[in-house]
Amino acid sequence: MKRWLLLSALLCATPLAAQTNINLGGITTDPSAAVEVAADSLSVDQDTGTAIFDGNVVIGQGQLRISAGRAQVVYDGNTGDIASFEASGGVTFANGTEAAEAQNATYDLQNGQLILTGDVLLTQGASALAAERMVIDVESGNARMEGRVRTVFQQGNN
């Protein structure tokens, strides 16, 4: 029993390698679902096909919620659909029981990829993972964390 406790303590205290792959289970979304955006202000540039939402930005797509200080949305010139967006100013990402925080996020709706950068913190229930960058395939829920990955796994009550 003491050996298992020591091993658990070492796993929790030791940083992982520079990259780790994880499955986020519930963090999936439908890239074809409607995207809702709310903010304090909006600026649109018709020439570049971009819109800048500024102040208390909340973006939703299905169960996915992202909040940030600012978001730049890029529209597909052919369809008029949202192609991608970049969020900055402290980003919070949530879906069900999982949540992540980062300084910045880029969401490519056409490729179904969400990239969080800068002091990334992912929580899944009582467990937590931290890194400099996290890349999520929002269709499958698979993710990769890179750059000084640190973790705490809760093992239940002993």
N, C-alpha and C. Protein backbone atom coordinates (compact mmCIF):
# COMPACT_ATOMS: atom_id res chain seq x y z
N MET A 1 0.82 -1.19 0.00
CA MET A 1 0.00 0.00 0.00
C MET A 1 0.87 1.26 0.00
N LYS A 2 1.93 1.26 0.82
CA LYS A 2 2.80 2.43 0.87
C LYS A 2 3.49 2.65 -0.46
N ARG A 3 3.82 1.54 -1.16
CA ARG A 3 4.48 1.66 -2.46
C ARG A 3 3.55 2.37 -3.45
N TRP A 4 2.25 2.02 -3.46
CA TRP A 4 1.29 2.68 -4.34
C TRP A 4 1.13 4.16 -4.01
N LEU A 5 1.11 4.48 -2.72
CA LEU A 5 1.00 5.88 -2.32
C LEU A 5 2.22 6.66 -2.76
N LEU A 6 3.40 6.07 -2.62
CA LEU A 6 4.64 6.74 -3.05
C LEU A 6 4.64 6.93 -4.56
N LEU A 7 4.24 5.88 -5.31
CA LEU A 7 4.18 5.98 -6.76
C LEU A 7 3.19 7.06 -7.19
N SER A 8 2.02 7.12 -6.56
CA SER A 8 1.03 8.15 -6.87
C SER A 8 1.58 9.54 -6.57
N ALA A 9 2.26 9.69 -5.46
CA ALA A 9 2.85 10.98 -5.10
C ALA A 9 3.91 11.39 -6.11
N LEU A 10 4.73 10.45 -6.56
CA LEU A 10 5.76 10.76 -7.55
C LEU A 10 5.15 11.15 -8.89
N LEU A 11 4.10 10.42 -9.30
CA LEU A 11 3.43 10.76 -10.56
C LEU A 11 2.85 12.16 -10.52
N CYS A 12 2.27 12.51 -9.40
CA CYS A 12 1.64 13.84 -9.28
C CYS A 12 2.66 14.95 -9.17
N ALA A 13 3.81 14.67 -8.63
CA ALA A 13 4.80 15.71 -8.40
C ALA A 13 5.76 15.88 -9.57
N THR A 14 5.88 14.89 -10.44
CA THR A 14 6.85 14.92 -11.51
C THR A 14 6.24 15.45 -12.79
N PRO A 15 6.85 16.47 -13.43
CA PRO A 15 6.34 16.94 -14.71
C PRO A 15 6.44 15.83 -15.75
N LEU A 16 5.46 15.76 -16.65
CA LEU A 16 5.49 14.79 -17.72
C LEU A 16 6.46 15.25 -18.79
N ALA A 17 6.66 14.43 -19.79
CA ALA A 17 7.50 14.81 -20.92
C ALA A 17 6.94 16.07 -21.57
N ALA A 18 7.65 16.60 -22.54
CA ALA A 18 7.27 17.87 -23.16
C ALA A 18 5.96 17.79 -23.94
N GLN A 19 5.46 16.57 -24.20
CA GLN A 19 4.22 16.43 -24.95
C GLN A 19 3.47 15.23 -24.41
N THR A 20 2.16 15.34 -24.30
CA THR A 20 1.34 14.20 -23.90
C THR A 20 0.04 14.22 -24.68
N ASN A 21 -0.46 13.05 -25.03
CA ASN A 21 -1.73 12.93 -25.73
C ASN A 21 -2.79 12.48 -24.74
N ILE A 22 -3.98 13.09 -24.82
CA ILE A 22 -5.06 12.73 -23.92
C ILE A 22 -6.36 12.66 -24.70
N ASN A 23 -7.33 11.95 -24.17
CA ASN A 23 -8.66 11.96 -24.75
C ASN A 23 -9.55 12.70 -23.78
N LEU A 24 -10.20 13.72 -24.28
CA LEU A 24 -11.01 14.57 -23.42
C LEU A 24 -12.45 14.12 -23.32
N GLY A 25 -12.76 12.98 -23.91
CA GLY A 25 -14.09 12.40 -23.76
C GLY A 25 -15.21 13.33 -24.16
N GLY A 26 -15.72 14.11 -23.22
CA GLY A 26 -16.88 14.95 -23.47
C GLY A 26 -16.59 16.20 -24.25
N ILE A 27 -15.34 16.56 -24.50
CA ILE A 27 -15.06 17.79 -25.23
C ILE A 27 -15.12 17.50 -26.72
N THR A 28 -16.31 17.48 -27.24
CA THR A 28 -16.54 17.35 -28.66
C THR A 28 -17.62 18.35 -29.03
N THR A 29 -17.67 18.70 -30.28
CA THR A 29 -18.70 19.61 -30.75
C THR A 29 -18.96 19.34 -32.22
N ASP A 30 -20.03 19.87 -32.72
CA ASP A 30 -20.39 19.72 -34.13
C ASP A 30 -19.99 21.00 -34.85
N PRO A 31 -18.91 20.95 -35.66
CA PRO A 31 -18.47 22.17 -36.35
C PRO A 31 -19.51 22.76 -37.29
N SER A 32 -20.54 21.99 -37.65
CA SER A 32 -21.58 22.52 -38.52
C SER A 32 -22.71 23.20 -37.73
N ALA A 33 -22.69 23.09 -36.39
CA ALA A 33 -23.72 23.71 -35.56
C ALA A 33 -23.58 25.24 -35.61
N ALA A 34 -24.67 25.92 -35.34
CA ALA A 34 -24.67 27.39 -35.33
C ALA A 34 -23.69 27.91 -34.28
N VAL A 35 -23.03 29.01 -34.60
CA VAL A 35 -22.12 29.68 -33.67
C VAL A 35 -22.78 30.96 -33.21
N GLU A 36 -22.87 31.14 -31.88
CA GLU A 36 -23.45 32.34 -31.30
C GLU A 36 -22.33 33.16 -30.67
N VAL A 37 -22.36 34.47 -30.88
CA VAL A 37 -21.34 35.35 -30.31
C VAL A 37 -22.04 36.54 -29.65
N ALA A 38 -21.61 36.86 -28.42
CA ALA A 38 -22.10 38.05 -27.72
C ALA A 38 -20.90 38.84 -27.24
N ALA A 39 -20.97 40.17 -27.29
CA ALA A 39 -19.86 41.03 -26.87
C ALA A 39 -20.37 42.44 -26.61
N ASP A 40 -19.51 43.26 -26.00
CA ASP A 40 -19.87 44.65 -25.74
C ASP A 40 -19.89 45.49 -27.00
N SER A 41 -18.99 45.16 -27.98
CA SER A 41 -18.98 45.93 -29.22
C SER A 41 -18.55 45.03 -30.39
N LEU A 42 -18.86 45.50 -31.60
CA LEU A 42 -18.56 44.76 -32.82
C LEU A 42 -18.08 45.73 -33.89
N SER A 43 -16.97 45.38 -34.55
CA SER A 43 -16.47 46.11 -35.71
C SER A 43 -16.37 45.13 -36.86
N VAL A 44 -16.90 45.50 -38.04
CA VAL A 44 -16.88 44.62 -39.20
C VAL A 44 -16.09 45.28 -40.32
N ASP A 45 -15.21 44.48 -40.96
CA ASP A 45 -14.44 44.94 -42.12
C ASP A 45 -14.88 44.08 -43.31
N GLN A 46 -15.74 44.64 -44.17
CA GLN A 46 -16.27 43.90 -45.31
C GLN A 46 -15.17 43.51 -46.30
N ASP A 47 -14.13 44.35 -46.44
CA ASP A 47 -13.07 44.08 -47.40
C ASP A 47 -12.28 42.83 -47.04
N THR A 48 -12.01 42.61 -45.76
CA THR A 48 -11.21 41.46 -45.33
C THR A 48 -12.07 40.29 -44.86
N GLY A 49 -13.37 40.51 -44.72
CA GLY A 49 -14.25 39.44 -44.26
C GLY A 49 -14.02 39.09 -42.80
N THR A 50 -13.72 40.09 -41.98
CA THR A 50 -13.47 39.85 -40.56
C THR A 50 -14.39 40.70 -39.70
N ALA A 51 -14.61 40.21 -38.51
CA ALA A 51 -15.38 40.94 -37.51
C ALA A 51 -14.61 40.85 -36.20
N ILE A 52 -14.55 41.95 -35.47
CA ILE A 52 -13.87 41.97 -34.18
C ILE A 52 -14.90 42.24 -33.09
N PHE A 53 -15.06 41.26 -32.21
CA PHE A 53 -15.93 41.39 -31.04
C PHE A 53 -15.03 41.77 -29.88
N ASP A 54 -15.40 42.81 -29.16
CA ASP A 54 -14.53 43.31 -28.10
C ASP A 54 -15.32 43.47 -26.80
N GLY A 55 -14.73 43.04 -25.70
CA GLY A 55 -15.30 43.21 -24.37
C GLY A 55 -16.30 42.13 -23.99
N ASN A 56 -15.98 41.36 -22.96
CA ASN A 56 -16.89 40.32 -22.44
C ASN A 56 -17.44 39.40 -23.53
N VAL A 57 -16.56 38.89 -24.36
CA VAL A 57 -16.96 38.04 -25.49
C VAL A 57 -17.32 36.65 -24.99
N VAL A 58 -18.48 36.15 -25.45
CA VAL A 58 -18.90 34.77 -25.16
C VAL A 58 -19.28 34.14 -26.50
N ILE A 59 -18.62 33.02 -26.82
CA ILE A 59 -18.87 32.32 -28.06
C ILE A 59 -19.40 30.93 -27.72
N GLY A 60 -20.49 30.53 -28.36
CA GLY A 60 -21.06 29.21 -28.11
C GLY A 60 -21.32 28.46 -29.39
N GLN A 61 -21.08 27.16 -29.34
CA GLN A 61 -21.42 26.27 -30.45
C GLN A 61 -21.81 24.94 -29.84
N GLY A 62 -23.09 24.63 -29.83
CA GLY A 62 -23.56 23.43 -29.15
C GLY A 62 -23.24 23.54 -27.66
N GLN A 63 -22.59 22.53 -27.09
CA GLN A 63 -22.20 22.53 -25.68
C GLN A 63 -20.93 23.32 -25.41
N LEU A 64 -20.19 23.68 -26.44
CA LEU A 64 -18.92 24.40 -26.32
C LEU A 64 -19.17 25.87 -25.98
N ARG A 65 -18.49 26.38 -24.95
CA ARG A 65 -18.56 27.80 -24.57
C ARG A 65 -17.15 28.33 -24.41
N ILE A 66 -16.88 29.47 -25.04
CA ILE A 66 -15.58 30.13 -24.91
C ILE A 66 -15.84 31.58 -24.55
N SER A 67 -15.15 32.05 -23.52
CA SER A 67 -15.26 33.47 -23.17
C SER A 67 -13.86 34.07 -23.24
N ALA A 68 -13.81 35.36 -23.61
CA ALA A 68 -12.53 36.04 -23.79
C ALA A 68 -12.76 37.55 -23.75
N GLY A 69 -11.66 38.27 -23.69
CA GLY A 69 -11.73 39.72 -23.74
C GLY A 69 -12.01 40.23 -25.15
N ARG A 70 -11.51 39.49 -26.16
CA ARG A 70 -11.62 39.93 -27.55
C ARG A 70 -11.61 38.71 -28.47
N ALA A 71 -12.33 38.79 -29.57
CA ALA A 71 -12.32 37.71 -30.57
C ALA A 71 -12.40 38.30 -31.96
N GLN A 72 -11.54 37.79 -32.83
CA GLN A 72 -11.59 38.17 -34.24
C GLN A 72 -12.13 36.98 -35.03
N VAL A 73 -13.23 37.20 -35.75
CA VAL A 73 -13.88 36.16 -36.53
C VAL A 73 -13.56 36.38 -37.99
N VAL A 74 -13.17 35.29 -38.68
CA VAL A 74 -12.88 35.34 -40.11
C VAL A 74 -13.96 34.53 -40.83
N TYR A 75 -14.57 35.16 -41.83
CA TYR A 75 -15.63 34.52 -42.58
C TYR A 75 -15.09 33.94 -43.89
N ASP A 76 -15.67 32.81 -44.31
CA ASP A 76 -15.32 32.20 -45.59
C ASP A 76 -15.88 33.10 -46.70
N GLY A 77 -15.02 33.55 -47.60
CA GLY A 77 -15.43 34.46 -48.67
C GLY A 77 -16.43 33.86 -49.63
N ASN A 78 -16.46 32.54 -49.76
CA ASN A 78 -17.38 31.89 -50.70
C ASN A 78 -18.75 31.62 -50.10
N THR A 79 -18.78 31.14 -48.86
CA THR A 79 -20.05 30.74 -48.25
C THR A 79 -20.61 31.76 -47.27
N GLY A 80 -19.75 32.62 -46.73
CA GLY A 80 -20.18 33.56 -45.70
C GLY A 80 -20.22 32.95 -44.32
N ASP A 81 -19.92 31.64 -44.21
CA ASP A 81 -19.87 30.97 -42.91
C ASP A 81 -18.62 31.38 -42.15
N ILE A 82 -18.64 31.20 -40.84
CA ILE A 82 -17.45 31.46 -40.03
C ILE A 82 -16.43 30.38 -40.33
N ALA A 83 -15.23 30.79 -40.73
CA ALA A 83 -14.15 29.85 -41.04
C ALA A 83 -13.30 29.60 -39.81
N SER A 84 -13.00 30.67 -39.06
CA SER A 84 -12.16 30.53 -37.88
C SER A 84 -12.33 31.76 -37.00
N PHE A 85 -11.81 31.65 -35.77
CA PHE A 85 -11.74 32.83 -34.93
C PHE A 85 -10.55 32.70 -33.99
N GLU A 86 -10.08 33.86 -33.57
CA GLU A 86 -9.00 33.93 -32.60
C GLU A 86 -9.51 34.72 -31.40
N ALA A 87 -9.33 34.15 -30.21
CA ALA A 87 -9.74 34.81 -28.97
C ALA A 87 -8.50 35.14 -28.16
N SER A 88 -8.55 36.27 -27.46
CA SER A 88 -7.41 36.69 -26.64
C SER A 88 -7.91 37.44 -25.42
N GLY A 89 -6.98 37.77 -24.55
CA GLY A 89 -7.34 38.53 -23.36
C GLY A 89 -7.85 37.66 -22.24
N GLY A 90 -7.28 36.46 -22.11
CA GLY A 90 -7.72 35.52 -21.09
C GLY A 90 -8.92 34.75 -21.58
N VAL A 91 -8.71 33.51 -21.95
CA VAL A 91 -9.74 32.70 -22.58
C VAL A 91 -10.16 31.57 -21.63
N THR A 92 -11.46 31.36 -21.51
CA THR A 92 -12.00 30.24 -20.75
C THR A 92 -12.84 29.41 -21.70
N PHE A 93 -12.60 28.10 -21.68
CA PHE A 93 -13.25 27.16 -22.56
C PHE A 93 -13.95 26.13 -21.69
N ALA A 94 -15.23 25.84 -21.95
CA ALA A 94 -15.95 24.87 -21.11
C ALA A 94 -16.88 24.02 -21.96
N ASN A 95 -17.00 22.77 -21.55
CA ASN A 95 -17.91 21.83 -22.20
C ASN A 95 -18.21 20.73 -21.19
N GLY A 96 -19.39 20.75 -20.60
CA GLY A 96 -19.74 19.71 -19.63
C GLY A 96 -18.93 19.83 -18.35
N THR A 97 -18.31 18.74 -17.94
CA THR A 97 -17.53 18.71 -16.69
C THR A 97 -16.08 19.08 -16.90
N GLU A 98 -15.69 19.40 -18.14
CA GLU A 98 -14.30 19.74 -18.44
C GLU A 98 -14.20 21.23 -18.76
N ALA A 99 -13.09 21.83 -18.35
CA ALA A 99 -12.87 23.25 -18.62
C ALA A 99 -11.39 23.50 -18.84
N ALA A 100 -11.09 24.56 -19.57
CA ALA A 100 -9.70 24.93 -19.82
C ALA A 100 -9.58 26.45 -19.80
N GLU A 101 -8.41 26.90 -19.37
CA GLU A 101 -8.09 28.33 -19.39
C GLU A 101 -6.79 28.51 -20.14
N ALA A 102 -6.64 29.65 -20.83
CA ALA A 102 -5.41 29.98 -21.55
C ALA A 102 -5.39 31.47 -21.82
N GLN A 103 -4.27 31.95 -22.28
CA GLN A 103 -4.17 33.36 -22.66
C GLN A 103 -4.84 33.62 -24.00
N ASN A 104 -4.71 32.65 -24.94
CA ASN A 104 -5.23 32.82 -26.30
C ASN A 104 -5.81 31.51 -26.82
N ALA A 105 -6.71 31.62 -27.80
CA ALA A 105 -7.28 30.43 -28.44
C ALA A 105 -7.53 30.73 -29.91
N THR A 106 -7.30 29.72 -30.74
CA THR A 106 -7.62 29.78 -32.15
C THR A 106 -8.50 28.59 -32.46
N TYR A 107 -9.66 28.83 -33.07
CA TYR A 107 -10.60 27.75 -33.40
C TYR A 107 -10.81 27.76 -34.90
N ASP A 108 -10.36 26.70 -35.58
CA ASP A 108 -10.53 26.54 -37.02
C ASP A 108 -11.74 25.63 -37.22
N LEU A 109 -12.89 26.22 -37.55
CA LEU A 109 -14.12 25.44 -37.69
C LEU A 109 -14.07 24.51 -38.89
N GLN A 110 -13.36 24.90 -39.95
CA GLN A 110 -13.29 24.07 -41.14
C GLN A 110 -12.50 22.79 -40.89
N ASN A 111 -11.46 22.85 -40.04
CA ASN A 111 -10.66 21.67 -39.72
C ASN A 111 -11.02 21.05 -38.38
N GLY A 112 -11.94 21.67 -37.63
CA GLY A 112 -12.37 21.13 -36.35
C GLY A 112 -11.26 21.10 -35.31
N GLN A 113 -10.43 22.13 -35.29
CA GLN A 113 -9.29 22.16 -34.39
C GLN A 113 -9.31 23.41 -33.51
N LEU A 114 -9.18 23.20 -32.20
CA LEU A 114 -9.10 24.29 -31.23
C LEU A 114 -7.71 24.26 -30.62
N ILE A 115 -7.00 25.39 -30.66
CA ILE A 115 -5.65 25.48 -30.12
C ILE A 115 -5.65 26.53 -29.01
N LEU A 116 -5.28 26.11 -27.80
CA LEU A 116 -5.14 27.02 -26.66
C LEU A 116 -3.66 27.21 -26.40
N THR A 117 -3.23 28.46 -26.16
CA THR A 117 -1.82 28.76 -25.90
C THR A 117 -1.67 29.70 -24.72
N GLY A 118 -0.53 29.58 -24.05
CA GLY A 118 -0.19 30.48 -22.95
C GLY A 118 -0.82 30.09 -21.64
N ASP A 119 -0.05 29.47 -20.76
CA ASP A 119 -0.52 29.09 -19.41
C ASP A 119 -1.82 28.30 -19.46
N VAL A 120 -1.85 27.24 -20.25
CA VAL A 120 -3.05 26.41 -20.40
C VAL A 120 -3.27 25.58 -19.14
N LEU A 121 -4.49 25.58 -18.65
CA LEU A 121 -4.88 24.76 -17.51
C LEU A 121 -6.17 24.04 -17.88
N LEU A 122 -6.12 22.69 -17.86
CA LEU A 122 -7.27 21.86 -18.16
C LEU A 122 -7.70 21.15 -16.89
N THR A 123 -8.98 21.23 -16.57
CA THR A 123 -9.50 20.48 -15.42
C THR A 123 -10.55 19.50 -15.92
N GLN A 124 -10.45 18.28 -15.38
CA GLN A 124 -11.41 17.22 -15.66
C GLN A 124 -11.81 16.65 -14.33
N GLY A 125 -12.96 17.08 -13.81
CA GLY A 125 -13.35 16.68 -12.47
C GLY A 125 -12.34 17.20 -11.47
N ALA A 126 -11.77 16.31 -10.65
CA ALA A 126 -10.78 16.71 -9.64
C ALA A 126 -9.35 16.69 -10.17
N SER A 127 -9.14 16.22 -11.41
CA SER A 127 -7.79 16.14 -11.99
C SER A 127 -7.49 17.41 -12.79
N ALA A 128 -6.20 17.72 -12.92
CA ALA A 128 -5.79 18.91 -13.64
C ALA A 128 -4.53 18.64 -14.45
N LEU A 129 -4.43 19.29 -15.62
CA LEU A 129 -3.26 19.24 -16.49
C LEU A 129 -2.91 20.67 -16.86
N ALA A 130 -1.62 20.99 -16.89
CA ALA A 130 -1.19 22.32 -17.28
C ALA A 130 -0.06 22.19 -18.31
N ALA A 131 -0.01 23.14 -19.25
CA ALA A 131 1.03 23.14 -20.29
C ALA A 131 1.05 24.52 -20.93
N GLU A 132 1.93 24.69 -21.89
CA GLU A 132 1.99 25.96 -22.63
C GLU A 132 1.04 25.97 -23.82
N ARG A 133 0.69 24.76 -24.32
CA ARG A 133 -0.13 24.68 -25.54
C ARG A 133 -0.96 23.41 -25.51
N MET A 134 -2.22 23.50 -25.96
CA MET A 134 -3.09 22.34 -26.08
C MET A 134 -3.80 22.41 -27.43
N VAL A 135 -3.74 21.32 -28.19
CA VAL A 135 -4.41 21.23 -29.49
C VAL A 135 -5.50 20.18 -29.35
N ILE A 136 -6.75 20.56 -29.65
CA ILE A 136 -7.90 19.68 -29.49
C ILE A 136 -8.57 19.45 -30.84
N ASP A 137 -8.82 18.18 -31.17
CA ASP A 137 -9.66 17.82 -32.30
C ASP A 137 -11.09 17.77 -31.73
N VAL A 138 -11.90 18.77 -32.03
CA VAL A 138 -13.21 18.88 -31.39
C VAL A 138 -14.20 17.84 -31.88
N GLU A 139 -13.92 17.18 -33.00
CA GLU A 139 -14.81 16.13 -33.48
C GLU A 139 -14.58 14.82 -32.73
N SER A 140 -13.33 14.48 -32.44
CA SER A 140 -13.03 13.21 -31.77
C SER A 140 -12.84 13.36 -30.27
N GLY A 141 -12.50 14.57 -29.81
CA GLY A 141 -12.20 14.78 -28.39
C GLY A 141 -10.75 14.51 -28.04
N ASN A 142 -9.93 14.08 -29.02
CA ASN A 142 -8.52 13.84 -28.76
C ASN A 142 -7.78 15.17 -28.63
N ALA A 143 -6.79 15.18 -27.75
CA ALA A 143 -6.02 16.41 -27.54
C ALA A 143 -4.56 16.07 -27.32
N ARG A 144 -3.72 17.06 -27.56
CA ARG A 144 -2.29 16.94 -27.32
C ARG A 144 -1.84 18.17 -26.53
N MET A 145 -1.13 17.95 -25.45
CA MET A 145 -0.60 19.05 -24.66
C MET A 145 0.91 19.07 -24.84
N GLU A 146 1.46 20.28 -24.97
CA GLU A 146 2.88 20.44 -25.26
C GLU A 146 3.48 21.53 -24.38
N GLY A 147 4.76 21.40 -24.12
CA GLY A 147 5.50 22.45 -23.42
C GLY A 147 5.37 22.39 -21.92
N ARG A 148 6.29 21.73 -21.27
CA ARG A 148 6.35 21.62 -19.80
C ARG A 148 5.00 21.20 -19.22
N VAL A 149 4.58 20.00 -19.57
CA VAL A 149 3.30 19.47 -19.13
C VAL A 149 3.40 19.05 -17.67
N ARG A 150 2.43 19.50 -16.87
CA ARG A 150 2.37 19.16 -15.44
C ARG A 150 0.98 18.63 -15.15
N THR A 151 0.89 17.69 -14.22
CA THR A 151 -0.41 17.08 -13.96
C THR A 151 -0.60 16.69 -12.51
N VAL A 152 -1.87 16.62 -12.11
CA VAL A 152 -2.28 16.06 -10.83
C VAL A 152 -3.46 15.15 -11.15
N PHE A 153 -3.31 13.84 -10.87
CA PHE A 153 -4.38 12.88 -11.06
C PHE A 153 -4.95 12.51 -9.70
N GLN A 154 -6.23 12.70 -9.52
CA GLN A 154 -6.88 12.28 -8.28
C GLN A 154 -7.23 10.81 -8.41
N GLN A 155 -6.83 10.00 -7.43
CA GLN A 155 -6.98 8.55 -7.51
C GLN A 155 -8.11 8.01 -6.66
N GLY A 156 -8.99 8.83 -6.18
CA GLY A 156 -10.08 8.36 -5.31
C GLY A 156 -9.69 8.53 -3.85
N ASN A 157 -10.54 8.08 -2.98
CA ASN A 157 -10.30 8.24 -1.54
C ASN A 157 -9.57 7.04 -0.98
N ASN A 158 -8.39 7.26 -0.43
CA ASN A 158 -7.61 6.19 0.22
C ASN A 158 -7.46 6.48 1.67
